[in-house]
Amino acid sequence: MKDWHTMARRTRLLALALAAPLLVSACSTDDTGGSGSGSTSGSGSSAAAGDGDLSFAVITHGSAGDAFWDVVQKGAEAAGEDLGVGVDYQSDGDPQRQSQLIQAAVNQDVDGIVVSMANPDALQDSVEAAVSAGIPVVTINSGADRSAEFGAIGHVGQDETIAGQGAGQRLAQDGAKNVLCVVHEAGNIGLEQRCAGASQGLGSDVKLLQVDINDLQAAQSTITSQLQSDPSIDGVLTLNSAVASVAAAAASDAGSQAEIATFDLNGDVIAAIQDGSVAFAVDQQQYEQGYLPIVMLKLYAQNLNTVGGGQPVLTGPGIVDSANVDAIADLASAGTR
């Protein structure tokens, strides 16, 4: 098992090393103005263009209102401002509509595309169409195993299996033996890898429970029912910060003493770790998943540089628990963690 704190530190150093020369360039170049724009069936946002009018599209599978993806968006748009390039962020949780957004970006002849691949098979044609059109692609978050196959120049994210193993090991150290792994997006390969890794780290199979991220009230009821029907469950691992909050409420409703742990942070999870209702969070530092790909695309556009040597650029995992939560709380409140 890798030292997670060392990995996180190295990732931060990589971000600074990549961004520093470009920031100097951006600061010494007059802003010529301009803006990116676009329409989508999901959510969309643009940052001003500059530096030769480079324009990059960021297209994720985030659902509207999911705080995790709000942080990714902030990272991408901050990179656009820092580096003087246009960034158009759009998202749709439906794989077919996400694929259509990618194709629309290809038709607009953008200078680069960042895409999360929760469902690689559904996105293969559109991603390969971008590559065939000469548009560099960086994948983020999910789909690392298929990224190079589709022709992407790099991937930014965490190794989901390693992250799951770490979560399972921590739950085992805390005494958990019968763990529920709550999956909130059907067909998301990264979530499947997390649960499989958790089983490996725990030393026994976790129980999978499917809920819908778009109906958190129903998710809470489903988790409550599962805890009531099986009092031997002593650990609940959620894979999303919003689901963590309803899992903690579900445990209270069911009168369960199961330890609640989660992937990813938001303000509610920070508060829950502080009050003890959530034991820990696996943090993949998703701000970097927005920021670093914009750096990578600009390096490629200006100097044909690639990053990672054919391997993913890892942004996590790290653990946030009672030992370090207070130091991170203000950053999470600002929407960058």
C-alpha atoms as a PDB file:
ATOM      1  CA  MET A   1       0.000   0.000   0.000  1.00  0.00           C
ATOM      2  CA  LYS A   2       1.374   3.396  -0.979  1.00  0.00           C
ATOM      3  CA  ASP A   3       1.805   6.220   1.523  1.00  0.00           C
ATOM      4  CA  TRP A   4      -1.288   8.292   0.701  1.00  0.00           C
ATOM      5  CA  HIS A   5       0.033  11.467   2.298  1.00  0.00           C
ATOM      6  CA  THR A   6       3.238  11.243   0.245  1.00  0.00           C
ATOM      7  CA  MET A   7       1.165  10.654  -2.912  1.00  0.00           C
ATOM      8  CA  ALA A   8      -0.986  13.699  -2.224  1.00  0.00           C
ATOM      9  CA  ARG A   9       2.088  15.853  -1.564  1.00  0.00           C
ATOM     10  CA  ARG A  10       3.719  14.726  -4.803  1.00  0.00           C
ATOM     11  CA  THR A  11       0.535  15.497  -6.713  1.00  0.00           C
ATOM     12  CA  ARG A  12       0.439  19.040  -5.333  1.00  0.00           C
ATOM     13  CA  LEU A  13       4.079  19.534  -6.312  1.00  0.00           C
ATOM     14  CA  LEU A  14       3.292  18.243  -9.805  1.00  0.00           C
ATOM     15  CA  ALA A  15       0.466  20.756 -10.117  1.00  0.00           C
ATOM     16  CA  LEU A  16       2.776  23.608  -9.175  1.00  0.00           C
ATOM     17  CA  ALA A  17       5.511  22.402 -11.500  1.00  0.00           C
ATOM     18  CA  LEU A  18       3.128  22.123 -14.431  1.00  0.00           C
ATOM     19  CA  ALA A  19       1.398  25.416 -13.854  1.00  0.00           C
ATOM     20  CA  ALA A  20       4.307  27.704 -12.922  1.00  0.00           C
ATOM     21  CA  PRO A  21       5.761  28.457 -16.377  1.00  0.00           C
ATOM     22  CA  LEU A  22       2.316  28.855 -17.863  1.00  0.00           C
ATOM     23  CA  LEU A  23       1.236  31.227 -15.122  1.00  0.00           C
ATOM     24  CA  VAL A  24       4.265  33.412 -15.861  1.00  0.00           C
ATOM     25  CA  SER A  25       3.299  33.405 -19.537  1.00  0.00           C
ATOM     26  CA  ALA A  26      -0.308  34.233 -18.739  1.00  0.00           C
ATOM     27  CA  CYS A  27       0.668  37.092 -16.449  1.00  0.00           C
ATOM     28  CA  SER A  28       2.978  38.630 -19.078  1.00  0.00           C
ATOM     29  CA  THR A  29       0.438  38.467 -21.923  1.00  0.00           C
ATOM     30  CA  ASP A  30      -2.337  40.994 -22.441  1.00  0.00           C
ATOM     31  CA  ASP A  31      -5.817  39.495 -22.161  1.00  0.00           C
ATOM     32  CA  THR A  32      -7.458  39.784 -25.567  1.00  0.00           C
ATOM     33  CA  GLY A  33     -10.918  39.014 -24.218  1.00  0.00           C
ATOM     34  CA  GLY A  34     -13.474  36.705 -25.793  1.00  0.00           C
ATOM     35  CA  SER A  35     -15.557  34.017 -24.166  1.00  0.00           C
ATOM     36  CA  GLY A  36     -16.592  30.431 -24.528  1.00  0.00           C
ATOM     37  CA  SER A  37     -20.260  29.551 -24.750  1.00  0.00           C
ATOM     38  CA  GLY A  38     -22.439  26.541 -25.241  1.00  0.00           C
ATOM     39  CA  SER A  39     -25.806  24.976 -24.573  1.00  0.00           C
ATOM     40  CA  THR A  40     -26.460  21.602 -23.022  1.00  0.00           C
ATOM     41  CA  SER A  41     -29.199  19.372 -21.744  1.00  0.00           C
ATOM     42  CA  GLY A  42     -27.275  19.194 -18.467  1.00  0.00           C
ATOM     43  CA  SER A  43     -25.364  22.111 -16.920  1.00  0.00           C
ATOM     44  CA  GLY A  44     -22.960  24.503 -18.591  1.00  0.00           C
ATOM     45  CA  SER A  45     -20.582  27.335 -17.753  1.00  0.00           C
ATOM     46  CA  SER A  46     -17.859  29.287 -19.535  1.00  0.00           C
ATOM     47  CA  ALA A  47     -14.638  31.063 -18.577  1.00  0.00           C
ATOM     48  CA  ALA A  48     -13.099  33.879 -20.625  1.00  0.00           C
ATOM     49  CA  ALA A  49     -10.698  32.992 -23.426  1.00  0.00           C
ATOM     50  CA  GLY A  50      -7.263  34.499 -23.949  1.00  0.00           C
ATOM     51  CA  ASP A  51      -3.777  33.442 -25.123  1.00  0.00           C
ATOM     52  CA  GLY A  52      -4.351  32.877 -28.812  1.00  0.00           C
ATOM     53  CA  ASP A  53      -8.020  32.144 -28.166  1.00  0.00           C
ATOM     54  CA  LEU A  54      -7.366  28.551 -27.122  1.00  0.00           C
ATOM     55  CA  SER A  55     -10.687  27.000 -26.144  1.00  0.00           C
ATOM     56  CA  PHE A  56     -11.145  23.793 -24.175  1.00  0.00           C
ATOM     57  CA  ALA A  57     -14.360  21.880 -23.461  1.00  0.00           C
ATOM     58  CA  VAL A  58     -14.833  20.032 -20.165  1.00  0.00           C
ATOM     59  CA  ILE A  59     -17.625  17.457 -20.381  1.00  0.00           C
ATOM     60  CA  THR A  60     -18.418  15.331 -17.333  1.00  0.00           C
ATOM     61  CA  HIS A  61     -21.072  12.882 -16.208  1.00  0.00           C
ATOM     62  CA  GLY A  62     -21.900  14.943 -13.122  1.00  0.00           C
ATOM     63  CA  SER A  63     -25.538  15.266 -12.127  1.00  0.00           C
ATOM     64  CA  ALA A  64     -26.999  18.720 -11.532  1.00  0.00           C
ATOM     65  CA  GLY A  65     -26.458  19.810  -7.937  1.00  0.00           C
ATOM     66  CA  ASP A  66     -23.738  17.245  -7.176  1.00  0.00           C
ATOM     67  CA  ALA A  67     -21.233  19.176  -5.042  1.00  0.00           C
ATOM     68  CA  PHE A  68     -18.365  16.900  -6.114  1.00  0.00           C
ATOM     69  CA  TRP A  69     -18.598  18.093  -9.705  1.00  0.00           C
ATOM     70  CA  ASP A  70     -19.024  21.711  -8.635  1.00  0.00           C
ATOM     71  CA  VAL A  71     -15.474  21.478  -7.258  1.00  0.00           C
ATOM     72  CA  VAL A  72     -14.188  19.940 -10.515  1.00  0.00           C
ATOM     73  CA  GLN A  73     -15.815  22.804 -12.413  1.00  0.00           C
ATOM     74  CA  LYS A  74     -14.205  25.373 -10.125  1.00  0.00           C
ATOM     75  CA  GLY A  75     -10.810  23.796 -10.724  1.00  0.00           C
ATOM     76  CA  ALA A  76     -11.201  23.833 -14.503  1.00  0.00           C
ATOM     77  CA  GLU A  77     -12.439  27.410 -14.598  1.00  0.00           C
ATOM     78  CA  ALA A  78      -9.685  28.579 -12.228  1.00  0.00           C
ATOM     79  CA  ALA A  79      -7.110  27.015 -14.548  1.00  0.00           C
ATOM     80  CA  GLY A  80      -8.703  28.792 -17.491  1.00  0.00           C
ATOM     81  CA  GLU A  81      -8.441  32.132 -15.705  1.00  0.00           C
ATOM     82  CA  ASP A  82      -4.880  31.482 -14.510  1.00  0.00           C
ATOM     83  CA  LEU A  83      -3.631  30.334 -17.904  1.00  0.00           C
ATOM     84  CA  GLY A  84      -5.644  32.688 -20.085  1.00  0.00           C
ATOM     85  CA  VAL A  85      -7.588  30.073 -22.041  1.00  0.00           C
ATOM     86  CA  GLY A  86     -11.282  29.527 -22.642  1.00  0.00           C
ATOM     87  CA  VAL A  87     -12.971  26.791 -20.624  1.00  0.00           C
ATOM     88  CA  ASP A  88     -16.536  25.666 -21.321  1.00  0.00           C
ATOM     89  CA  TYR A  89     -17.811  23.262 -18.653  1.00  0.00           C
ATOM     90  CA  GLN A  90     -20.850  21.091 -19.412  1.00  0.00           C
ATOM     91  CA  SER A  91     -22.227  17.963 -17.803  1.00  0.00           C
ATOM     92  CA  ASP A  92     -24.924  15.364 -18.177  1.00  0.00           C
ATOM     93  CA  GLY A  93     -25.402  12.186 -16.162  1.00  0.00           C
ATOM     94  CA  ASP A  94     -26.928  10.332 -19.110  1.00  0.00           C
ATOM     95  CA  PRO A  95     -24.120   8.627 -21.114  1.00  0.00           C
ATOM     96  CA  GLN A  96     -25.830   9.131 -24.461  1.00  0.00           C
ATOM     97  CA  ARG A  97     -26.360  12.836 -23.857  1.00  0.00           C
ATOM     98  CA  GLN A  98     -22.804  13.178 -22.577  1.00  0.00           C
ATOM     99  CA  SER A  99     -21.631  11.585 -25.823  1.00  0.00           C
ATOM    100  CA  GLN A 100     -23.690  14.125 -27.770  1.00  0.00           C
ATOM    101  CA  LEU A 101     -22.015  16.953 -25.863  1.00  0.00           C
ATOM    102  CA  ILE A 102     -18.607  15.565 -26.847  1.00  0.00           C
ATOM    103  CA  GLN A 103     -19.657  15.376 -30.488  1.00  0.00           C
ATOM    104  CA  ALA A 104     -20.930  18.954 -30.322  1.00  0.00           C
ATOM    105  CA  ALA A 105     -17.528  20.080 -29.013  1.00  0.00           C
ATOM    106  CA  VAL A 106     -15.871  18.242 -31.916  1.00  0.00           C
ATOM    107  CA  ASN A 107     -18.168  20.052 -34.338  1.00  0.00           C
ATOM    108  CA  GLN A 108     -17.186  23.365 -32.729  1.00  0.00           C
ATOM    109  CA  ASP A 109     -13.512  22.530 -33.402  1.00  0.00           C
ATOM    110  CA  VAL A 110     -12.349  23.215 -29.857  1.00  0.00           C
ATOM    111  CA  ASP A 111      -8.624  23.002 -29.100  1.00  0.00           C
ATOM    112  CA  GLY A 112      -8.971  20.225 -26.537  1.00  0.00           C
ATOM    113  CA  ILE A 113     -11.525  18.182 -24.628  1.00  0.00           C
ATOM    114  CA  VAL A 114     -11.573  16.969 -21.029  1.00  0.00           C
ATOM    115  CA  VAL A 115     -14.023  14.131 -20.412  1.00  0.00           C
ATOM    116  CA  SER A 116     -14.963  11.882 -17.506  1.00  0.00           C
ATOM    117  CA  MET A 117     -15.676   8.315 -18.612  1.00  0.00           C
ATOM    118  CA  ALA A 118     -17.955   6.624 -16.100  1.00  0.00           C
ATOM    119  CA  ASN A 119     -19.373   4.574 -18.974  1.00  0.00           C
ATOM    120  CA  PRO A 120     -16.504   4.154 -21.466  1.00  0.00           C
ATOM    121  CA  ASP A 121     -18.412   1.996 -23.943  1.00  0.00           C
ATOM    122  CA  ALA A 122     -21.088   4.654 -24.397  1.00  0.00           C
ATOM    123  CA  LEU A 123     -18.485   7.365 -25.005  1.00  0.00           C
ATOM    124  CA  GLN A 124     -16.040   5.445 -27.187  1.00  0.00           C
ATOM    125  CA  ASP A 125     -17.353   6.613 -30.561  1.00  0.00           C
ATOM    126  CA  SER A 126     -17.475  10.296 -29.615  1.00  0.00           C
ATOM    127  CA  VAL A 127     -14.069  10.301 -27.899  1.00  0.00           C
ATOM    128  CA  GLU A 128     -12.476   8.525 -30.851  1.00  0.00           C
ATOM    129  CA  ALA A 129     -14.190  10.996 -33.193  1.00  0.00           C
ATOM    130  CA  ALA A 130     -12.484  13.821 -31.312  1.00  0.00           C
ATOM    131  CA  VAL A 131      -9.106  12.119 -31.584  1.00  0.00           C
ATOM    132  CA  SER A 132      -9.646  11.431 -35.296  1.00  0.00           C
ATOM    133  CA  ALA A 133     -10.422  15.120 -35.788  1.00  0.00           C
ATOM    134  CA  GLY A 134      -7.045  16.010 -34.293  1.00  0.00           C
ATOM    135  CA  ILE A 135      -8.473  17.270 -31.003  1.00  0.00           C
ATOM    136  CA  PRO A 136      -6.405  16.199 -27.970  1.00  0.00           C
ATOM    137  CA  VAL A 137      -8.416  14.537 -25.207  1.00  0.00           C
ATOM    138  CA  VAL A 138      -7.611  14.190 -21.504  1.00  0.00           C
ATOM    139  CA  THR A 139      -9.819  11.841 -19.504  1.00  0.00           C
ATOM    140  CA  ILE A 140     -10.544  12.404 -15.831  1.00  0.00           C
ATOM    141  CA  ASN A 141     -12.049  10.662 -12.820  1.00  0.00           C
ATOM    142  CA  SER A 142     -13.292   7.377 -14.321  1.00  0.00           C
ATOM    143  CA  GLY A 143     -12.165   5.314 -17.281  1.00  0.00           C
ATOM    144  CA  ALA A 144      -8.401   5.261 -16.742  1.00  0.00           C
ATOM    145  CA  ASP A 145      -8.138   1.693 -18.043  1.00  0.00           C
ATOM    146  CA  ARG A 146      -9.648   2.675 -21.409  1.00  0.00           C
ATOM    147  CA  SER A 147      -8.164   6.153 -21.772  1.00  0.00           C
ATOM    148  CA  ALA A 148      -5.098   5.275 -23.873  1.00  0.00           C
ATOM    149  CA  GLU A 149      -7.124   2.769 -25.902  1.00  0.00           C
ATOM    150  CA  PHE A 150      -9.410   5.587 -27.027  1.00  0.00           C
ATOM    151  CA  GLY A 151      -6.436   7.795 -27.947  1.00  0.00           C
ATOM    152  CA  ALA A 152      -6.410  10.236 -25.019  1.00  0.00           C
ATOM    153  CA  ILE A 153      -3.093  11.961 -24.286  1.00  0.00           C
ATOM    154  CA  GLY A 154      -3.479  11.448 -20.538  1.00  0.00           C
ATOM    155  CA  HIS A 155      -5.713  10.670 -17.582  1.00  0.00           C
ATOM    156  CA  VAL A 156      -6.103  12.525 -14.285  1.00  0.00           C
ATOM    157  CA  GLY A 157      -7.743  10.871 -11.287  1.00  0.00           C
ATOM    158  CA  GLN A 158      -7.196   8.348  -8.565  1.00  0.00           C
ATOM    159  CA  ASP A 159      -6.694   4.603  -8.835  1.00  0.00           C
ATOM    160  CA  GLU A 160     -10.140   3.458  -7.736  1.00  0.00           C
ATOM    161  CA  THR A 161      -9.029  -0.040  -6.783  1.00  0.00           C
ATOM    162  CA  ILE A 162      -6.214   1.257  -4.566  1.00  0.00           C
ATOM    163  CA  ALA A 163      -8.596   3.787  -3.034  1.00  0.00           C
ATOM    164  CA  GLY A 164     -11.134   1.054  -2.317  1.00  0.00           C
ATOM    165  CA  GLN A 165      -8.461  -1.141  -0.772  1.00  0.00           C
ATOM    166  CA  GLY A 166      -7.455   1.676   1.548  1.00  0.00           C
ATOM    167  CA  ALA A 167     -11.042   2.261   2.623  1.00  0.00           C
ATOM    168  CA  GLY A 168     -11.544  -1.453   3.266  1.00  0.00           C
ATOM    169  CA  GLN A 169      -8.346  -1.678   5.284  1.00  0.00           C
ATOM    170  CA  ARG A 170      -9.349   1.299   7.408  1.00  0.00           C
ATOM    171  CA  LEU A 171     -12.792  -0.185   8.069  1.00  0.00           C
ATOM    172  CA  ALA A 172     -11.152  -3.480   9.040  1.00  0.00           C
ATOM    173  CA  GLN A 173      -8.793  -1.651  11.406  1.00  0.00           C
ATOM    174  CA  ASP A 174     -11.835  -0.035  13.000  1.00  0.00           C
ATOM    175  CA  GLY A 175     -13.331  -3.489  13.576  1.00  0.00           C
ATOM    176  CA  ALA A 176     -15.879  -3.704  10.759  1.00  0.00           C
ATOM    177  CA  LYS A 177     -16.596  -7.157   9.361  1.00  0.00           C
ATOM    178  CA  ASN A 178     -19.936  -6.893   7.522  1.00  0.00           C
ATOM    179  CA  VAL A 179     -19.801  -3.842   5.257  1.00  0.00           C
ATOM    180  CA  LEU A 180     -22.414  -2.394   2.930  1.00  0.00           C
ATOM    181  CA  CYS A 181     -21.038  -0.657  -0.186  1.00  0.00           C
ATOM    182  CA  VAL A 182     -23.609   1.812  -1.533  1.00  0.00           C
ATOM    183  CA  VAL A 183     -23.459   2.361  -5.310  1.00  0.00           C
ATOM    184  CA  HIS A 184     -25.233   5.518  -6.477  1.00  0.00           C
ATOM    185  CA  GLU A 185     -24.747   5.358 -10.280  1.00  0.00           C
ATOM    186  CA  ALA A 186     -25.602   2.165 -12.134  1.00  0.00           C
ATOM    187  CA  GLY A 187     -22.989   1.139 -14.693  1.00  0.00           C
ATOM    188  CA  ASN A 188     -20.246   3.434 -13.354  1.00  0.00           C
ATOM    189  CA  ILE A 189     -17.082   1.356 -13.702  1.00  0.00           C
ATOM    190  CA  GLY A 190     -15.174   3.444 -11.171  1.00  0.00           C
ATOM    191  CA  LEU A 191     -17.728   2.769  -8.437  1.00  0.00           C
ATOM    192  CA  GLU A 192     -17.560  -0.945  -9.146  1.00  0.00           C
ATOM    193  CA  GLN A 193     -13.770  -0.792  -8.775  1.00  0.00           C
ATOM    194  CA  ARG A 194     -14.082   0.988  -5.431  1.00  0.00           C
ATOM    195  CA  CYS A 195     -16.343  -1.697  -3.983  1.00  0.00           C
ATOM    196  CA  ALA A 196     -14.139  -4.486  -5.357  1.00  0.00           C
ATOM    197  CA  GLY A 197     -11.094  -2.829  -3.812  1.00  0.00           C
ATOM    198  CA  ALA A 198     -12.935  -2.418  -0.507  1.00  0.00           C
ATOM    199  CA  SER A 199     -13.581  -6.165  -0.455  1.00  0.00           C
ATOM    200  CA  GLN A 200      -9.873  -6.795  -0.966  1.00  0.00           C
ATOM    201  CA  GLY A 201      -8.878  -4.389   1.790  1.00  0.00           C
ATOM    202  CA  LEU A 202     -11.520  -5.669   4.191  1.00  0.00           C
ATOM    203  CA  GLY A 203     -10.598  -9.291   3.583  1.00  0.00           C
ATOM    204  CA  SER A 204     -14.187 -10.316   2.885  1.00  0.00           C
ATOM    205  CA  ASP A 205     -16.855  -9.456   0.335  1.00  0.00           C
ATOM    206  CA  VAL A 206     -18.770  -6.245   0.846  1.00  0.00           C
ATOM    207  CA  LYS A 207     -22.509  -6.248   0.190  1.00  0.00           C
ATOM    208  CA  LEU A 208     -23.559  -4.078  -2.747  1.00  0.00           C
ATOM    209  CA  LEU A 209     -26.600  -1.824  -2.429  1.00  0.00           C
ATOM    210  CA  GLN A 210     -27.855   0.173  -5.424  1.00  0.00           C
ATOM    211  CA  VAL A 211     -29.422   3.604  -4.891  1.00  0.00           C
ATOM    212  CA  ASP A 212     -30.084   6.601  -7.143  1.00  0.00           C
ATOM    213  CA  ILE A 213     -28.031   9.773  -6.631  1.00  0.00           C
ATOM    214  CA  ASN A 214     -30.930  11.748  -8.097  1.00  0.00           C
ATOM    215  CA  ASP A 215     -33.349  10.634  -5.340  1.00  0.00           C
ATOM    216  CA  LEU A 216     -31.571  10.981  -2.011  1.00  0.00           C
ATOM    217  CA  GLN A 217     -34.757  10.597   0.031  1.00  0.00           C
ATOM    218  CA  ALA A 218     -35.358   7.188  -1.526  1.00  0.00           C
ATOM    219  CA  ALA A 219     -31.682   6.344  -1.029  1.00  0.00           C
ATOM    220  CA  GLN A 220     -31.987   7.069   2.685  1.00  0.00           C
ATOM    221  CA  SER A 221     -35.057   4.830   2.945  1.00  0.00           C
ATOM    222  CA  THR A 222     -33.278   2.013   1.093  1.00  0.00           C
ATOM    223  CA  ILE A 223     -30.238   2.187   3.373  1.00  0.00           C
ATOM    224  CA  THR A 224     -32.452   2.360   6.470  1.00  0.00           C
ATOM    225  CA  SER A 225     -34.359  -0.749   5.378  1.00  0.00           C
ATOM    226  CA  GLN A 226     -31.127  -2.642   4.734  1.00  0.00           C
ATOM    227  CA  LEU A 227     -29.728  -1.771   8.152  1.00  0.00           C
ATOM    228  CA  GLN A 228     -32.981  -2.749   9.856  1.00  0.00           C
ATOM    229  CA  SER A 229     -33.178  -6.071   8.031  1.00  0.00           C
ATOM    230  CA  ASP A 230     -29.557  -7.006   8.802  1.00  0.00           C
ATOM    231  CA  PRO A 231     -28.432  -5.782  12.235  1.00  0.00           C
ATOM    232  CA  SER A 232     -25.055  -7.480  11.726  1.00  0.00           C
ATOM    233  CA  ILE A 233     -23.990  -4.740   9.279  1.00  0.00           C
ATOM    234  CA  ASP A 234     -21.286  -2.837  11.135  1.00  0.00           C
ATOM    235  CA  GLY A 235     -19.925  -0.682   8.331  1.00  0.00           C
ATOM    236  CA  VAL A 236     -21.427   1.405   5.529  1.00  0.00           C
ATOM    237  CA  LEU A 237     -19.186   2.691   2.751  1.00  0.00           C
ATOM    238  CA  THR A 238     -20.760   5.282   0.473  1.00  0.00           C
ATOM    239  CA  LEU A 239     -19.101   6.418  -2.743  1.00  0.00           C
ATOM    240  CA  ASN A 240     -20.388   9.990  -2.827  1.00  0.00           C
ATOM    241  CA  SER A 241     -20.486  12.757  -0.247  1.00  0.00           C
ATOM    242  CA  ALA A 242     -24.205  13.480  -0.652  1.00  0.00           C
ATOM    243  CA  VAL A 243     -25.022   9.805  -0.138  1.00  0.00           C
ATOM    244  CA  ALA A 244     -22.833   9.811   2.987  1.00  0.00           C
ATOM    245  CA  SER A 245     -25.118  12.351   4.611  1.00  0.00           C
ATOM    246  CA  VAL A 246     -28.241  10.281   4.026  1.00  0.00           C
ATOM    247  CA  ALA A 247     -26.409   7.120   5.129  1.00  0.00           C
ATOM    248  CA  ALA A 248     -25.591   8.744   8.459  1.00  0.00           C
ATOM    249  CA  ALA A 249     -29.243   9.736   8.828  1.00  0.00           C
ATOM    250  CA  ALA A 250     -30.307   6.214   7.846  1.00  0.00           C
ATOM    251  CA  ALA A 251     -28.101   4.687  10.531  1.00  0.00           C
ATOM    252  CA  SER A 252     -29.709   6.968  13.083  1.00  0.00           C
ATOM    253  CA  ASP A 253     -33.203   6.080  11.836  1.00  0.00           C
ATOM    254  CA  ALA A 254     -32.418   2.367  12.031  1.00  0.00           C
ATOM    255  CA  GLY A 255     -30.788   2.577  15.448  1.00  0.00           C
ATOM    256  CA  SER A 256     -27.645   1.094  13.892  1.00  0.00           C
ATOM    257  CA  GLN A 257     -24.146   1.488  15.306  1.00  0.00           C
ATOM    258  CA  ALA A 258     -22.560   0.810  11.910  1.00  0.00           C
ATOM    259  CA  GLU A 259     -19.528   2.951  11.141  1.00  0.00           C
ATOM    260  CA  ILE A 260     -20.172   5.306   8.222  1.00  0.00           C
ATOM    261  CA  ALA A 261     -17.334   6.058   5.816  1.00  0.00           C
ATOM    262  CA  THR A 262     -17.383   7.656   2.398  1.00  0.00           C
ATOM    263  CA  PHE A 263     -15.561   8.684  -0.700  1.00  0.00           C
ATOM    264  CA  ASP A 264     -15.303  12.416  -1.390  1.00  0.00           C
ATOM    265  CA  LEU A 265     -15.842  15.566   0.602  1.00  0.00           C
ATOM    266  CA  ASN A 266     -18.346  18.359   0.925  1.00  0.00           C
ATOM    267  CA  GLY A 267     -19.280  20.703   3.739  1.00  0.00           C
ATOM    268  CA  ASP A 268     -21.762  18.254   5.234  1.00  0.00           C
ATOM    269  CA  VAL A 269     -19.197  15.438   5.303  1.00  0.00           C
ATOM    270  CA  ILE A 270     -16.650  17.744   6.944  1.00  0.00           C
ATOM    271  CA  ALA A 271     -19.185  18.579   9.662  1.00  0.00           C
ATOM    272  CA  ALA A 272     -20.125  14.911  10.045  1.00  0.00           C
ATOM    273  CA  ILE A 273     -16.484  13.908  10.540  1.00  0.00           C
ATOM    274  CA  GLN A 274     -16.145  16.666  13.111  1.00  0.00           C
ATOM    275  CA  ASP A 275     -19.204  15.473  15.048  1.00  0.00           C
ATOM    276  CA  GLY A 276     -18.322  11.788  14.667  1.00  0.00           C
ATOM    277  CA  SER A 277     -21.290  10.627  12.607  1.00  0.00           C
ATOM    278  CA  VAL A 278     -18.930   9.868   9.699  1.00  0.00           C
ATOM    279  CA  ALA A 279     -15.624   8.205  10.559  1.00  0.00           C
ATOM    280  CA  PHE A 280     -13.536   9.187   7.546  1.00  0.00           C
ATOM    281  CA  ALA A 281     -13.617  10.208   3.889  1.00  0.00           C
ATOM    282  CA  VAL A 282     -11.433   9.064   1.014  1.00  0.00           C
ATOM    283  CA  ASP A 283     -10.422  12.292  -0.703  1.00  0.00           C
ATOM    284  CA  GLN A 284      -9.485  12.233  -4.399  1.00  0.00           C
ATOM    285  CA  GLN A 285      -8.865  16.001  -4.527  1.00  0.00           C
ATOM    286  CA  GLN A 286     -11.221  16.565  -7.421  1.00  0.00           C
ATOM    287  CA  TYR A 287     -10.255  20.227  -7.771  1.00  0.00           C
ATOM    288  CA  GLU A 288      -7.052  18.914  -9.351  1.00  0.00           C
ATOM    289  CA  GLN A 289      -9.119  16.787 -11.737  1.00  0.00           C
ATOM    290  CA  GLY A 290     -10.512  20.030 -13.104  1.00  0.00           C
ATOM    291  CA  TYR A 291      -7.345  22.110 -12.957  1.00  0.00           C
ATOM    292  CA  LEU A 292      -4.571  19.797 -14.154  1.00  0.00           C
ATOM    293  CA  PRO A 293      -6.151  18.705 -17.474  1.00  0.00           C
ATOM    294  CA  ILE A 294      -6.380  22.345 -18.582  1.00  0.00           C
ATOM    295  CA  VAL A 295      -2.657  22.706 -17.839  1.00  0.00           C
ATOM    296  CA  MET A 296      -1.970  19.515 -19.781  1.00  0.00           C
ATOM    297  CA  LEU A 297      -3.999  20.626 -22.797  1.00  0.00           C
ATOM    298  CA  LYS A 298      -2.273  23.998 -22.925  1.00  0.00           C
ATOM    299  CA  LEU A 299       1.154  22.363 -22.710  1.00  0.00           C
ATOM    300  CA  TYR A 300       0.160  20.068 -25.557  1.00  0.00           C
ATOM    301  CA  ALA A 301      -1.274  22.884 -27.685  1.00  0.00           C
ATOM    302  CA  GLN A 302       1.777  25.103 -27.266  1.00  0.00           C
ATOM    303  CA  ASN A 303       4.646  22.627 -26.987  1.00  0.00           C
ATOM    304  CA  LEU A 304       3.330  19.111 -27.780  1.00  0.00           C
ATOM    305  CA  ASN A 305       4.127  18.076 -24.208  1.00  0.00           C
ATOM    306  CA  THR A 306       2.401  15.103 -22.617  1.00  0.00           C
ATOM    307  CA  VAL A 307       2.334  14.371 -18.897  1.00  0.00           C
ATOM    308  CA  GLY A 308       2.486  11.103 -17.003  1.00  0.00           C
ATOM    309  CA  GLY A 309       4.645   8.947 -19.265  1.00  0.00           C
ATOM    310  CA  GLY A 310       1.646   6.881 -20.285  1.00  0.00           C
ATOM    311  CA  GLN A 311       0.470   6.461 -16.687  1.00  0.00           C
ATOM    312  CA  PRO A 312      -2.420   8.274 -14.970  1.00  0.00           C
ATOM    313  CA  VAL A 313      -1.643  11.440 -13.045  1.00  0.00           C
ATOM    314  CA  LEU A 314      -2.914  10.519  -9.581  1.00  0.00           C
ATOM    315  CA  THR A 315      -4.799  13.058  -7.480  1.00  0.00           C
ATOM    316  CA  GLY A 316      -5.505  10.656  -4.621  1.00  0.00           C
ATOM    317  CA  PRO A 317      -6.407   8.845  -2.544  1.00  0.00           C
ATOM    318  CA  GLY A 318      -5.954  10.518   0.796  1.00  0.00           C
ATOM    319  CA  ILE A 319      -7.829  10.091   4.064  1.00  0.00           C
ATOM    320  CA  VAL A 320      -9.658  12.869   5.899  1.00  0.00           C
ATOM    321  CA  ASP A 321     -10.593  11.970   9.467  1.00  0.00           C
ATOM    322  CA  SER A 322     -10.728  13.532  12.905  1.00  0.00           C
ATOM    323  CA  ALA A 323      -6.948  14.020  12.873  1.00  0.00           C
ATOM    324  CA  ASN A 324      -6.861  16.439   9.934  1.00  0.00           C
ATOM    325  CA  VAL A 325     -10.432  17.519   9.233  1.00  0.00           C
ATOM    326  CA  ASP A 326     -10.159  20.918  10.915  1.00  0.00           C
ATOM    327  CA  ALA A 327      -7.274  21.930   8.647  1.00  0.00           C
ATOM    328  CA  ILE A 328      -9.335  21.128   5.545  1.00  0.00           C
ATOM    329  CA  ALA A 329     -12.688  22.519   6.701  1.00  0.00           C
ATOM    330  CA  ASP A 330     -12.193  26.086   5.449  1.00  0.00           C
ATOM    331  CA  LEU A 331     -11.009  24.860   2.041  1.00  0.00           C
ATOM    332  CA  ALA A 332     -14.057  22.634   1.699  1.00  0.00           C
ATOM    333  CA  SER A 333     -16.311  25.546   2.624  1.00  0.00           C
ATOM    334  CA  ALA A 334     -14.655  27.581  -0.138  1.00  0.00           C
ATOM    335  CA  GLY A 335     -15.514  24.840  -2.614  1.00  0.00           C
ATOM    336  CA  THR A 336     -11.976  23.792  -3.519  1.00  0.00           C
ATOM    337  CA  ARG A 337     -11.801  20.518  -1.542  1.00  0.00           C
END
